[in-house]
């Protein structure tokens, strides 16, 4: 009898000691502003470039937007190294399979542009 009462008491104490501690914190809004004091001219090329990019598996894991970003980067790198691609258009070749769809190839086209005449105010 004493053993069973002792077992019940020990069990009750161990269950009572397993509590979850939950702490929360609040933060105050701080009024800040970020200003860019430099400007630049954008020199857009008259020549439209087109680039076909075969998408590797590691790029595809990042999602569709990652595939488009890498395709633009590679298009600029292979066609003279512009800073930005103006009016990009994407043509994607998608393979649908049993486990979903995969982007296999992206054709990106647009006008390469570079930044010139940086001015600091």
Protein backbone atom coordinates (compact mmCIF):
# COMPACT_ATOMS: atom_id res chain seq x y z
CA UNK A 1 0.00 0.00 0.00
CA UNK A 2 2.79 2.36 0.94
CA UNK A 3 4.64 1.50 -2.25
CA UNK A 4 1.64 2.26 -4.45
CA UNK A 5 1.03 5.60 -2.65
CA UNK A 6 4.69 6.47 -3.06
CA UNK A 7 4.52 5.55 -6.76
CA UNK A 8 1.43 7.72 -7.26
CA UNK A 9 3.07 10.65 -5.43
CA UNK A 10 6.29 10.39 -7.47
CA UNK A 11 4.31 10.14 -10.71
CA UNK A 12 2.23 13.17 -9.79
CA UNK A 13 5.33 15.21 -8.98
CA UNK A 14 7.08 14.29 -12.21
CA UNK A 15 4.02 15.17 -14.29
CA UNK A 16 3.60 18.44 -12.44
CA UNK A 17 7.22 19.42 -13.02
CA UNK A 18 6.95 19.13 -16.81
CA UNK A 19 5.60 22.57 -17.58
CA UNK A 20 6.10 24.59 -20.71
CA UNK A 21 7.61 28.03 -20.33
CA UNK A 22 6.38 30.50 -22.91
CA UNK A 23 7.97 33.91 -23.17
CA UNK A 24 6.98 36.66 -25.54
CA UNK A 25 8.55 39.99 -26.32
CA UNK A 26 7.31 43.05 -28.10
CA UNK A 27 9.31 45.59 -30.01
CA UNK A 28 8.71 49.24 -30.63
CA UNK A 29 8.55 50.75 -34.10
CA UNK A 30 11.46 53.05 -34.79
CA UNK A 31 10.94 55.77 -37.38
CA UNK A 32 13.80 55.46 -39.89
CA UNK A 33 14.23 56.39 -43.50
CA UNK A 34 16.61 55.22 -46.18
CA UNK A 35 17.52 57.59 -48.95
CA UNK A 36 19.58 57.04 -52.03
CA UNK A 37 21.53 60.16 -52.87
CA UNK A 38 23.09 58.86 -56.06
CA UNK A 39 21.58 58.73 -59.54
CA UNK A 40 22.75 57.21 -62.80
CA UNK A 41 21.80 57.19 -66.46
CA UNK A 42 20.68 53.94 -68.06
CA UNK A 43 22.19 53.29 -71.50
CA UNK A 44 19.89 50.80 -73.26
CA UNK A 45 21.17 48.95 -76.33
CA UNK A 46 19.21 48.98 -79.59
CA UNK A 47 20.11 45.33 -80.19
CA UNK A 48 17.77 42.70 -78.74
CA UNK A 49 19.52 39.60 -77.39
CA UNK A 50 18.16 36.07 -77.14
CA UNK A 51 19.71 33.34 -75.00
CA UNK A 52 18.72 29.71 -74.42
CA UNK A 53 19.50 28.38 -70.94
CA UNK A 54 19.39 24.68 -70.04
CA UNK A 55 18.30 24.63 -66.39
CA UNK A 56 20.38 22.39 -64.08
CA UNK A 57 18.80 20.61 -61.13
CA UNK A 58 20.42 22.80 -58.45
CA UNK A 59 19.02 26.00 -60.01
CA UNK A 60 15.59 24.43 -60.45
CA UNK A 61 15.43 23.70 -56.69
CA UNK A 62 15.30 27.45 -55.99
CA UNK A 63 11.95 27.90 -57.74
CA UNK A 64 10.71 29.56 -60.89
CA UNK A 65 11.88 33.08 -60.01
CA UNK A 66 15.38 31.76 -59.30
CA UNK A 67 15.43 30.06 -62.71
CA UNK A 68 14.47 33.33 -64.42
CA UNK A 69 17.07 35.33 -62.46
CA UNK A 70 19.87 32.92 -63.34
CA UNK A 71 18.78 32.84 -67.00
CA UNK A 72 18.96 36.65 -67.17
CA UNK A 73 22.37 36.66 -65.49
CA UNK A 74 23.75 34.09 -67.91
CA UNK A 75 22.24 35.92 -70.91
CA UNK A 76 23.95 39.16 -69.87
CA UNK A 77 27.23 37.36 -69.16
CA UNK A 78 27.31 35.67 -72.59
CA UNK A 79 26.26 38.79 -74.54
CA UNK A 80 28.63 41.54 -73.51
CA UNK A 81 28.04 41.78 -69.76
CA UNK A 82 25.31 44.38 -69.29
CA UNK A 83 24.08 45.45 -65.87
CA UNK A 84 20.35 44.89 -66.37
CA UNK A 85 18.03 43.37 -68.98
CA UNK A 86 15.27 45.76 -70.05
CA UNK A 87 11.86 44.31 -71.07
CA UNK A 88 12.78 40.65 -70.53
CA UNK A 89 10.57 37.97 -72.05
CA UNK A 90 10.76 34.35 -70.99
CA UNK A 91 9.83 31.30 -73.01
CA UNK A 92 9.93 28.19 -70.83
CA UNK A 93 9.93 24.55 -71.84
CA UNK A 94 8.27 22.54 -69.08
CA UNK A 95 8.33 18.76 -68.75
CA UNK A 96 5.38 17.31 -66.90
CA UNK A 97 5.93 14.00 -65.19
CA UNK A 98 4.47 11.73 -62.58
CA UNK A 99 5.88 13.79 -59.70
CA UNK A 100 5.04 17.28 -61.00
CA UNK A 101 6.49 19.66 -63.54
CA UNK A 102 10.11 20.61 -64.18
CA UNK A 103 11.46 23.58 -66.10
CA UNK A 104 13.96 22.10 -68.54
CA UNK A 105 14.91 25.11 -70.69
CA UNK A 106 14.35 28.88 -70.62
CA UNK A 107 14.76 31.20 -73.59
CA UNK A 108 15.18 34.78 -72.40
CA UNK A 109 15.21 37.82 -74.66
CA UNK A 110 15.47 41.54 -74.02
CA UNK A 111 17.60 44.65 -74.36
CA UNK A 112 20.85 44.77 -72.36
CA UNK A 113 21.53 48.04 -70.56
CA UNK A 114 24.38 49.50 -68.53
CA UNK A 115 24.48 52.23 -65.91
CA UNK A 116 26.52 55.34 -66.84
CA UNK A 117 27.27 58.76 -65.34
CA UNK A 118 26.84 58.11 -61.65
CA UNK A 119 26.07 61.33 -59.77
CA UNK A 120 26.17 61.85 -56.03
CA UNK A 121 24.05 64.68 -54.68
